[in-house]
């Protein structure tokens, strides 16, 4: 997997536009509506809204923008920040025992209806997918394109290869995926060269959460991260989405890339057919699990592109190929009623231990095993899903009081109550738009070191539930 990403920024100033360099930026803001309205007045061109991260992708001057009152952070958003992680037999499905789950026996090639990940929606955040490919037709949907705004067609080949590993159909030709009844959604964030911006990745995650995806699969990465993407991943996890990413093709040692290195992401290393770590596979304490990633045959477009082939198939190497194997097993588990958190735990606790005994930085907990993770036999399909949760948590700030005064340099405990019809997953405490604390258990509180400057300050408390609904309460205090 390899991929590149970019960011944006904005600022207030009386200087002329010509006096400032225009850069691709990501701007974290306290109020999306205000920012979208005010940024154009600061000579910033808005390229996209990243709702899940409370951020906006812009082209503008970073120094002008970072001083605006509603700006939390400004980060660069180069167009090649992220890239696919690929080097360049379908043994991988058999190696992880996936066919024993959807086919009912080792080496099966016929899918038992309802056992291959049926009903699970997987967002493949990548170069797009050729949904007309013979192995993907009927199980692939065009989702969104954050590269050029058209249909998310695959003009590189990487995303189609990833999609085939996850969900290639049983049709008598080509290959069969790990979860051949799951549906993959093409979310294009990388261009024809396999590169893209961080803002595109964050917007892709936002789309996946808003559109009810069960799993996000990202076979892409970079050696440095993005706050917008970190925020998006955290919100996706809180919404109950299983997030899987390739660990990276940076070799040894302590080289796991982003977004795989973020908390809440299942980071996947690559092994070969002999269960040995691939030489290119990144290592580090963030690696959770390993999967086949050397000599993997899967679908590619037949047209003209970097990885296209007239046959419609190609053999590729990379942690980009390993991650979709884990995504596929995740789909098998989620179709059987397991939550995202439960699916991740089942995969790591039942993995085939490789390398040093127990957890290690090369293989994580070991090579994923679909048969062991699902309990050894295909169970009955799960009961119908519960109705979607659309009710936001109710929040109140109980201390300090609205309109009260706090002393400079004092340590103030911000206290809040939060309730929800299902349950509160986390409470965030922000001061003038800057995140200070996150609490996950009542009573919810945050220690705030008051600065040595007298001014009016807004304390903002936001509560989230597992479905991604959020409630908010604010108070204003004066520092004296």
Protein backbone atom coordinates (compact mmCIF):
# COMPACT_ATOMS: atom_id res chain seq x y z
CA UNK A 1 0.00 0.00 0.00
CA UNK A 2 1.40 3.39 -0.74
CA UNK A 3 -0.28 6.78 -0.80
CA UNK A 4 0.27 10.50 -0.36
CA UNK A 5 -1.90 13.16 1.29
CA UNK A 6 -2.22 16.98 1.74
CA UNK A 7 -3.60 19.71 4.04
CA UNK A 8 -4.94 23.31 4.10
CA UNK A 9 -4.86 26.62 6.06
CA UNK A 10 -6.26 30.19 6.45
CA UNK A 11 -5.79 33.55 8.37
CA UNK A 12 -6.89 37.19 8.99
CA UNK A 13 -4.68 40.03 7.82
CA UNK A 14 -4.77 43.43 6.18
CA UNK A 15 -1.82 42.54 3.93
CA UNK A 16 -2.39 42.18 0.22
CA UNK A 17 -2.92 38.74 -1.28
CA UNK A 18 0.20 39.11 -3.37
CA UNK A 19 2.32 39.43 -0.23
CA UNK A 20 1.45 35.95 0.97
CA UNK A 21 2.28 32.54 -0.41
CA UNK A 22 -0.75 30.44 -1.36
CA UNK A 23 -0.42 26.88 -0.01
CA UNK A 24 -2.58 23.78 0.10
CA UNK A 25 -3.64 23.56 3.74
CA UNK A 26 -5.97 21.85 6.19
CA UNK A 27 -7.45 24.18 8.78
CA UNK A 28 -8.98 22.83 11.98
CA UNK A 29 -11.77 25.15 13.13
CA UNK A 30 -14.14 25.62 16.04
CA UNK A 31 -17.18 26.38 13.89
CA UNK A 32 -17.46 25.02 10.33
CA UNK A 33 -20.23 27.40 9.32
CA UNK A 34 -18.35 30.50 10.48
CA UNK A 35 -15.12 29.31 8.91
CA UNK A 36 -16.72 28.52 5.55
CA UNK A 37 -18.24 32.02 5.54
CA UNK A 38 -15.15 33.93 6.68
CA UNK A 39 -12.28 32.15 4.94
CA UNK A 40 -12.94 33.48 1.42
CA UNK A 41 -12.60 37.00 2.83
CA UNK A 42 -9.05 36.07 3.85
CA UNK A 43 -8.08 35.12 0.27
CA UNK A 44 -8.48 31.42 1.11
CA UNK A 45 -10.03 29.18 -1.53
CA UNK A 46 -12.10 26.43 0.10
CA UNK A 47 -11.38 23.05 -1.52
CA UNK A 48 -13.48 20.84 0.73
CA UNK A 49 -15.25 20.47 4.09
CA UNK A 50 -14.07 17.71 6.45
CA UNK A 51 -17.03 17.55 8.79
CA UNK A 52 -15.84 14.56 10.80
CA UNK A 53 -12.63 16.43 11.71
CA UNK A 54 -14.18 19.90 12.09
CA UNK A 55 -11.71 21.05 9.44
CA UNK A 56 -11.64 22.67 6.01
CA UNK A 57 -9.26 22.06 3.10
CA UNK A 58 -8.16 25.35 1.58
CA UNK A 59 -5.58 27.03 -0.57
CA UNK A 60 -4.32 30.10 1.27
CA UNK A 61 -1.62 31.70 3.39
CA UNK A 62 -0.85 29.72 6.53
CA UNK A 63 0.37 32.67 8.60
CA UNK A 64 -2.70 34.75 7.84
CA UNK A 65 -5.01 31.89 8.68
CA UNK A 66 -3.49 30.54 11.87
CA UNK A 67 -4.27 33.80 13.73
CA UNK A 68 -8.00 33.75 13.03
CA UNK A 69 -10.09 33.40 16.20
CA UNK A 70 -11.95 30.32 14.96
CA UNK A 71 -8.83 28.39 13.84
CA UNK A 72 -7.58 25.50 15.99
CA UNK A 73 -4.65 24.42 13.82
CA UNK A 74 -3.20 24.76 10.34
CA UNK A 75 -1.32 21.93 8.65
CA UNK A 76 0.17 21.42 5.19
CA UNK A 77 -1.85 19.38 2.70
CA UNK A 78 0.52 18.49 -0.18
CA UNK A 79 -1.09 16.57 -3.06
CA UNK A 80 1.34 13.67 -2.61
CA UNK A 81 1.34 13.36 1.18
CA UNK A 82 0.03 9.79 1.09
CA UNK A 83 0.63 6.92 -1.32
CA UNK A 84 -0.22 3.27 -1.89
CA UNK A 85 1.85 0.57 -0.17
CA UNK A 86 2.60 -1.82 -3.02
CA UNK A 87 5.84 -3.42 -4.41
CA UNK A 88 6.00 -3.97 -8.21
CA UNK A 89 -1.52 -16.58 -5.77
CA UNK A 90 -4.53 -16.10 -4.42
CA UNK A 91 -3.03 -18.44 -1.83
CA UNK A 92 -3.86 -15.78 0.75
CA UNK A 93 -7.56 -16.66 1.10
CA UNK A 94 -6.64 -20.29 1.71
CA UNK A 95 -3.74 -19.41 4.03
CA UNK A 96 -6.05 -17.56 6.42
CA UNK A 97 -8.76 -20.28 6.17
CA UNK A 98 -11.42 -17.90 4.85
CA UNK A 99 -12.83 -20.47 2.41
CA UNK A 100 -13.53 -22.85 5.30
CA UNK A 101 -15.93 -20.20 6.63
CA UNK A 102 -17.85 -19.16 3.52
CA UNK A 103 -17.52 -22.58 1.84
CA UNK A 104 -17.90 -24.80 4.89
CA UNK A 105 -14.72 -26.85 4.29
CA UNK A 106 -10.99 -26.41 3.56
CA UNK A 107 -10.20 -25.60 -0.10
CA UNK A 108 -13.86 -24.87 -0.87
CA UNK A 109 -14.64 -22.85 -3.99
CA UNK A 110 -18.42 -22.61 -3.60
CA UNK A 111 -19.92 -19.97 -1.31
CA UNK A 112 -22.71 -21.03 1.06
CA UNK A 113 -25.33 -18.31 0.86
CA UNK A 114 -25.22 -15.99 3.87
CA UNK A 115 -21.79 -17.11 5.07
CA UNK A 116 -19.49 -14.81 3.06
CA UNK A 117 -19.97 -11.42 4.70
CA UNK A 118 -23.46 -10.72 3.38
CA UNK A 119 -24.85 -7.31 4.33
CA UNK A 120 -21.50 -5.78 5.30
CA UNK A 121 -20.52 -2.49 3.66
CA UNK A 122 -16.80 -1.82 3.22
CA UNK A 123 -15.40 1.56 2.19
CA UNK A 124 -12.21 1.04 0.18
CA UNK A 125 -10.42 4.38 0.52
CA UNK A 126 -7.94 4.14 -2.32
CA UNK A 127 -7.50 4.90 -6.05
CA UNK A 128 -11.10 4.00 -6.87
CA UNK A 129 -12.45 0.62 -8.03
CA UNK A 130 -13.38 -0.83 -11.41
CA UNK A 131 -16.88 -1.89 -10.32
CA UNK A 132 -17.49 -3.32 -13.79
CA UNK A 133 -14.77 -5.95 -13.35
CA UNK A 134 -16.14 -9.48 -13.79
CA UNK A 135 -15.11 -10.44 -10.25
CA UNK A 136 -16.65 -7.35 -8.61
CA UNK A 137 -19.81 -6.66 -10.61
CA UNK A 138 -22.82 -6.95 -8.33
CA UNK A 139 -20.78 -6.44 -5.19
CA UNK A 140 -19.25 -3.03 -5.82
CA UNK A 141 -20.77 0.45 -5.57
CA UNK A 142 -19.30 3.77 -6.70
CA UNK A 143 -19.18 5.95 -3.59
CA UNK A 144 -17.29 9.26 -3.77
CA UNK A 145 -14.36 10.90 -5.55
CA UNK A 146 -12.25 13.45 -3.66
CA UNK A 147 -9.60 13.71 -6.38
CA UNK A 148 -11.47 15.24 -9.31
CA UNK A 149 -15.17 15.05 -8.48
CA UNK A 150 -16.20 12.55 -11.15
CA UNK A 151 -17.19 8.91 -10.65
CA UNK A 152 -14.55 7.12 -8.50
CA UNK A 153 -13.19 5.04 -11.39
CA UNK A 154 -9.82 3.37 -10.86
CA UNK A 155 -7.16 4.97 -13.08
CA UNK A 156 -4.30 3.24 -11.26
CA UNK A 157 -5.42 -0.35 -10.55
CA UNK A 158 -4.50 -0.49 -6.87
CA UNK A 159 -8.00 0.00 -5.47
CA UNK A 160 -9.46 -2.68 -7.74
CA UNK A 161 -6.79 -5.13 -6.58
CA UNK A 162 -7.63 -4.34 -2.94
CA UNK A 163 -11.37 -4.64 -3.60
CA UNK A 164 -10.90 -8.05 -5.20
CA UNK A 165 -8.97 -9.40 -2.21
CA UNK A 166 -11.83 -8.33 0.04
CA UNK A 167 -14.90 -9.31 -1.94
CA UNK A 168 -14.31 -10.86 -5.38
CA UNK A 169 -17.44 -12.85 -6.25
CA UNK A 170 -17.75 -16.58 -6.87
CA UNK A 171 -18.52 -16.60 -10.58
CA UNK A 172 -16.52 -19.46 -12.07
CA UNK A 173 -13.67 -17.23 -13.28
CA UNK A 174 -10.80 -15.28 -11.74
CA UNK A 175 -10.43 -15.25 -7.96
CA UNK A 176 -12.68 -15.43 -4.90
CA UNK A 177 -12.28 -12.87 -2.11
CA UNK A 178 -12.03 -13.32 1.65
CA UNK A 179 -15.64 -12.13 2.07
CA UNK A 180 -17.27 -12.76 -1.33
CA UNK A 181 -20.73 -11.59 -0.23
CA UNK A 182 -19.63 -8.26 1.27
CA UNK A 183 -20.14 -5.06 -0.73
CA UNK A 184 -17.19 -2.78 -1.41
CA UNK A 185 -17.69 0.96 -1.94
CA UNK A 186 -15.21 2.89 -4.08
CA UNK A 187 -13.99 6.03 -2.27
CA UNK A 188 -11.32 7.64 -4.43
CA UNK A 189 -8.71 9.73 -2.58
CA UNK A 190 -5.61 8.82 -4.64
CA UNK A 191 -4.85 9.84 -8.22
CA UNK A 192 -3.55 7.85 -11.17
CA UNK A 193 -0.04 7.83 -9.69
CA UNK A 194 -1.28 6.36 -6.37
CA UNK A 195 -0.77 9.62 -4.47
CA UNK A 196 -3.18 11.92 -2.67
CA UNK A 197 -3.67 14.57 0.00
CA UNK A 198 -4.49 14.14 3.69
CA UNK A 199 -7.60 16.26 3.25
CA UNK A 200 -8.90 13.80 0.65
CA UNK A 201 -8.30 10.89 3.03
CA UNK A 202 -10.09 12.68 5.88
CA UNK A 203 -13.04 13.49 3.62
CA UNK A 204 -13.13 9.86 2.53
CA UNK A 205 -13.39 8.72 6.16
CA UNK A 206 -16.09 11.33 6.74
CA UNK A 207 -18.06 9.95 3.77
CA UNK A 208 -17.73 6.40 5.08
CA UNK A 209 -19.11 7.29 8.51
CA UNK A 210 -21.94 9.42 7.12
CA UNK A 211 -22.97 6.65 4.74
CA UNK A 212 -23.13 3.85 7.27
CA UNK A 213 -20.08 1.80 6.33
CA UNK A 214 -19.28 -1.08 8.68
CA UNK A 215 -15.56 -1.18 7.80
CA UNK A 216 -13.01 1.26 6.39
CA UNK A 217 -10.05 -0.28 4.54
CA UNK A 218 -7.04 1.93 3.79
CA UNK A 219 -4.11 0.43 1.89
CA UNK A 220 -2.17 3.67 1.89
CA UNK A 221 0.12 5.62 4.16
CA UNK A 222 2.85 8.13 4.86
CA UNK A 223 5.73 8.48 7.30
CA UNK A 224 4.18 11.57 8.91
CA UNK A 225 0.57 12.05 9.96
CA UNK A 226 -2.25 14.58 9.91
CA UNK A 227 -4.35 15.94 12.76
CA UNK A 228 -7.42 16.01 10.50
CA UNK A 229 -7.03 12.31 9.72
CA UNK A 230 -6.30 11.44 13.36
CA UNK A 231 -9.53 13.20 14.36
CA UNK A 232 -11.46 11.45 11.59
CA UNK A 233 -10.19 8.03 12.65
CA UNK A 234 -11.15 8.69 16.27
CA UNK A 235 -14.66 9.73 15.25
CA UNK A 236 -15.02 6.69 12.97
CA UNK A 237 -14.01 4.39 15.81
CA UNK A 238 -16.47 6.12 18.15
CA UNK A 239 -19.19 5.60 15.52
CA UNK A 240 -18.61 1.84 15.62
CA UNK A 241 -16.68 1.51 12.35
CA UNK A 242 -13.86 -1.04 12.09
CA UNK A 243 -10.83 0.81 10.65
CA UNK A 244 -8.09 -1.29 8.98
CA UNK A 245 -4.88 0.06 7.41
CA UNK A 246 -1.64 -1.26 5.97
CA UNK A 247 1.34 -0.86 8.29
CA UNK A 248 3.59 0.40 5.49
CA UNK A 249 6.38 -0.79 3.21
CA UNK A 250 9.20 0.97 5.05
CA UNK A 251 11.01 -2.18 6.32
CA UNK A 252 12.60 -2.41 9.75
CA UNK A 253 12.57 -0.85 12.35
CA UNK A 254 9.89 1.28 14.14
CA UNK A 255 8.59 2.35 10.75
CA UNK A 256 4.80 1.94 10.92
CA UNK A 257 3.22 4.68 8.81
CA UNK A 258 0.07 6.75 9.19
CA UNK A 259 -2.88 6.25 9.46
CA UNK A 260 -1.96 2.72 10.64
CA UNK A 261 -0.02 4.13 13.60
CA UNK A 262 -3.07 5.90 15.06
CA UNK A 263 -4.96 4.45 18.00
CA UNK A 264 -8.19 2.87 16.85
CA UNK A 265 -6.70 1.47 13.61
CA UNK A 266 -5.95 -2.23 13.06
CA UNK A 267 -2.42 -2.00 11.61
CA UNK A 268 -1.55 -4.90 9.28
CA UNK A 269 1.92 -6.25 8.46
CA UNK A 270 2.70 -8.60 5.54
CA UNK A 271 3.88 -12.22 5.50
CA UNK A 272 4.69 -14.56 2.61
CA UNK A 273 3.40 -18.05 1.83
CA UNK A 274 5.92 -19.53 4.29
CA UNK A 275 4.57 -17.33 7.13
CA UNK A 276 7.75 -15.23 7.16
CA UNK A 277 7.65 -11.45 7.49
CA UNK A 278 8.03 -9.75 4.12
CA UNK A 279 11.29 -7.80 3.99
CA UNK A 280 9.46 -4.60 3.04
CA UNK A 281 6.86 -4.85 5.83
CA UNK A 282 7.06 -2.05 8.41
CA UNK A 283 7.68 -2.99 12.03
CA UNK A 284 6.91 -1.36 15.36
CA UNK A 285 4.74 -1.57 18.46
CA UNK A 286 1.73 -0.28 16.50
CA UNK A 287 1.54 -3.48 14.38
CA UNK A 288 -1.56 -5.42 15.46
CA UNK A 289 -1.70 -8.38 13.11
CA UNK A 290 -0.20 -9.88 9.94
CA UNK A 291 -1.69 -11.28 6.72
CA UNK A 292 -0.53 -12.54 3.32
CA UNK A 293 1.05 -9.75 1.29
CA UNK A 294 3.57 -11.33 -1.11
CA UNK A 295 2.63 -12.56 -4.59
CA UNK A 296 -1.09 -11.89 -4.18
CA UNK A 297 -3.22 -12.38 -7.31
CA UNK A 298 -6.32 -10.23 -7.58
CA UNK A 299 -8.41 -8.17 -9.95
CA UNK A 300 -7.16 -5.10 -11.86
CA UNK A 301 -8.69 -3.04 -14.68
CA UNK A 302 -7.99 -4.13 -18.25
CA UNK A 303 -7.50 -0.64 -19.64
CA UNK A 304 -4.48 1.64 -19.61
CA UNK A 305 -3.11 2.43 -16.14
CA UNK A 306 -0.11 1.77 -13.91
CA UNK A 307 -1.31 -1.63 -12.67
CA UNK A 308 -3.75 -2.50 -15.45
CA UNK A 309 -3.38 -5.82 -17.26
CA UNK A 310 -5.20 -7.16 -20.33
CA UNK A 311 -6.01 -10.36 -18.41
CA UNK A 312 -7.81 -8.42 -15.67
CA UNK A 313 -5.52 -9.85 -12.98
CA UNK A 314 -2.12 -9.10 -11.48
CA UNK A 315 0.20 -10.43 -8.79
CA UNK A 316 1.27 -7.71 -6.34
CA UNK A 317 3.30 -7.43 -3.14
CA UNK A 318 2.80 -5.05 -0.23
CA UNK A 319 1.13 -4.41 3.07
CA UNK A 320 -1.52 -2.94 0.74
CA UNK A 321 -2.39 -6.55 -0.10
CA UNK A 322 -2.19 -7.73 3.52
CA UNK A 323 -4.65 -5.18 4.92
CA UNK A 324 -7.64 -6.25 2.75
CA UNK A 325 -7.22 -9.86 3.96
CA UNK A 326 -7.84 -8.56 7.49
CA UNK A 327 -10.65 -6.34 6.22
CA UNK A 328 -12.29 -9.41 4.68
CA UNK A 329 -12.09 -11.38 7.92
CA UNK A 330 -13.54 -8.35 9.67
CA UNK A 331 -16.47 -8.49 7.22
CA UNK A 332 -17.05 -12.18 8.00
CA UNK A 333 -17.18 -11.31 11.70
CA UNK A 334 -19.36 -8.23 11.36
CA UNK A 335 -21.87 -10.17 9.24
CA UNK A 336 -22.18 -12.56 12.18
CA UNK A 337 -23.21 -9.79 14.56
CA UNK A 338 -19.89 -8.85 16.14
CA UNK A 339 -19.21 -5.15 16.74
CA UNK A 340 -16.14 -3.42 15.33
CA UNK A 341 -14.36 -3.61 18.67
CA UNK A 342 -15.28 -7.27 19.13
CA UNK A 343 -14.15 -8.13 15.60
CA UNK A 344 -10.75 -6.51 16.14
CA UNK A 345 -10.32 -8.34 19.45
CA UNK A 346 -11.35 -11.71 17.97
CA UNK A 347 -8.85 -11.37 15.13
CA UNK A 348 -5.91 -10.53 17.37
CA UNK A 349 -6.67 -13.02 20.15
CA UNK A 350 -7.09 -15.96 17.73
CA UNK A 351 -4.22 -15.11 15.36
CA UNK A 352 -1.58 -17.75 14.60
CA UNK A 353 1.44 -16.71 16.66
CA UNK A 354 4.51 -16.02 14.52
CA UNK A 355 7.99 -14.77 15.36
CA UNK A 356 8.81 -14.30 19.04
CA UNK A 357 6.25 -15.90 21.40
CA UNK A 358 3.33 -13.59 22.06
CA UNK A 359 3.08 -10.06 20.73
CA UNK A 360 6.06 -8.72 18.78
CA UNK A 361 6.71 -5.67 16.59
CA UNK A 362 7.09 -7.66 13.36
CA UNK A 363 3.88 -9.74 13.34
CA UNK A 364 1.83 -8.10 16.09
CA UNK A 365 -0.29 -10.86 17.61
CA UNK A 366 0.32 -13.11 14.59
CA UNK A 367 -1.23 -14.05 11.24
CA UNK A 368 -5.00 -13.57 11.01
CA UNK A 369 -7.05 -16.81 10.95
CA UNK A 370 -10.66 -16.50 9.79
CA UNK A 371 -11.65 -19.97 10.97
CA UNK A 372 -10.35 -19.43 14.51
CA UNK A 373 -11.73 -15.89 14.72
CA UNK A 374 -15.26 -16.99 13.83
CA UNK A 375 -15.18 -19.84 16.36
CA UNK A 376 -14.30 -22.73 14.07
CA UNK A 377 -17.55 -23.13 12.14
CA UNK A 378 -19.98 -20.95 10.18
CA UNK A 379 -22.72 -19.96 12.65
CA UNK A 380 -26.27 -19.00 11.76
CA UNK A 381 -26.74 -15.52 10.33
CA UNK A 382 -27.19 -12.82 13.00
CA UNK A 383 -30.62 -11.42 13.90
CA UNK A 384 -31.79 -8.26 12.10
CA UNK A 385 -29.88 -5.13 13.07
CA UNK A 386 -31.41 -2.76 15.59
CA UNK A 387 -32.83 0.54 14.30
CA UNK A 388 -30.20 3.23 13.73
CA UNK A 389 -29.45 5.47 16.70
CA UNK A 390 -30.13 9.10 15.73
CA UNK A 391 -30.56 10.65 19.18
CA UNK A 392 -27.75 12.97 20.29
CA UNK A 393 -26.46 13.01 23.89
CA UNK A 394 -27.69 15.75 26.23
CA UNK A 395 -24.87 17.82 27.75
CA UNK A 396 -24.64 20.42 30.53
CA UNK A 397 -21.62 22.27 31.93
CA UNK A 398 -21.98 22.29 35.72
CA UNK A 399 -18.75 24.10 36.59
CA UNK A 400 -17.59 26.78 36.22
CA UNK A 401 -20.85 28.69 35.96
CA UNK A 402 -21.72 30.67 32.87
CA UNK A 403 -20.63 34.30 33.27
CA UNK A 404 -18.37 33.55 36.22
CA UNK A 405 -14.81 34.77 36.76
CA UNK A 406 -11.71 32.58 37.07
CA UNK A 407 -8.31 33.61 38.39
CA UNK A 408 -5.23 33.79 36.22
CA UNK A 409 -2.84 30.81 36.59
CA UNK A 410 -5.40 28.93 38.68
CA UNK A 411 -6.22 25.29 37.97
CA UNK A 412 -9.93 25.02 37.33
CA UNK A 413 -11.86 21.77 37.15
CA UNK A 414 -14.38 21.83 34.33
CA UNK A 415 -17.29 19.57 35.20
CA UNK A 416 -20.12 18.34 32.99
CA UNK A 417 -23.00 15.91 32.86
CA UNK A 418 -23.87 13.91 29.74
CA UNK A 419 -26.61 11.39 29.09
CA UNK A 420 -27.78 9.39 26.08
CA UNK A 421 -30.55 6.92 25.30
CA UNK A 422 -27.93 4.26 24.44
CA UNK A 423 -24.78 5.45 26.16
CA UNK A 424 -22.10 8.14 26.08
CA UNK A 425 -18.83 6.95 24.50
CA UNK A 426 -16.71 10.01 25.24
CA UNK A 427 -16.85 13.64 26.35
CA UNK A 428 -14.49 16.26 24.91
CA UNK A 429 -13.57 19.48 26.71
CA UNK A 430 -12.46 22.43 24.55
CA UNK A 431 -11.28 25.87 25.65
CA UNK A 432 -11.54 28.55 22.96
CA UNK A 433 -11.78 25.76 20.40
CA UNK A 434 -8.67 23.88 21.56
CA UNK A 435 -9.18 20.33 22.82
CA UNK A 436 -7.97 20.06 26.43
CA UNK A 437 -9.25 16.69 27.67
CA UNK A 438 -11.28 13.66 26.72
CA UNK A 439 -13.15 11.67 29.39
CA UNK A 440 -14.92 8.35 28.88
CA UNK A 441 -16.55 7.72 32.26
CA UNK A 442 -18.85 9.72 34.52
CA UNK A 443 -18.43 11.97 36.39
CA UNK A 444 -16.96 13.84 33.41
CA UNK A 445 -14.31 16.44 34.24
CA UNK A 446 -11.19 18.16 32.95
CA UNK A 447 -8.41 20.08 34.68
CA UNK A 448 -7.71 23.44 33.00
CA UNK A 449 -4.63 25.54 33.76
CA UNK A 450 -5.89 29.12 33.33
CA UNK A 451 -3.49 31.27 31.27
CA UNK A 452 -1.98 34.51 32.56
CA UNK A 453 -4.04 36.76 30.32
CA UNK A 454 -7.29 38.49 31.04
CA UNK A 455 -9.95 37.80 28.42
CA UNK A 456 -13.33 36.26 27.82
CA UNK A 457 -13.02 32.50 27.31
CA UNK A 458 -15.49 29.98 25.87
CA UNK A 459 -15.61 26.52 27.43
CA UNK A 460 -17.19 24.02 25.05
CA UNK A 461 -18.14 20.48 26.14
CA UNK A 462 -19.15 17.92 23.52
CA UNK A 463 -20.48 14.40 24.16
CA UNK A 464 -20.50 11.58 21.59
CA UNK A 465 -22.34 8.27 21.47
CA UNK A 466 -21.24 5.11 19.65
CA UNK A 467 -23.33 5.99 16.58
CA UNK A 468 -21.43 9.26 16.11
CA UNK A 469 -24.23 11.55 17.35
CA UNK A 470 -22.96 14.50 19.37
CA UNK A 471 -24.42 17.00 21.82
CA UNK A 472 -22.84 20.26 22.95
CA UNK A 473 -22.99 22.82 25.75
CA UNK A 474 -21.01 26.05 26.23
CA UNK A 475 -20.32 28.52 28.98
CA UNK A 476 -18.38 31.79 28.90
CA UNK A 477 -16.03 32.85 31.70
CA UNK A 478 -13.80 35.87 32.25
CA UNK A 479 -10.15 35.54 33.26
CA UNK A 480 -9.00 38.18 35.80
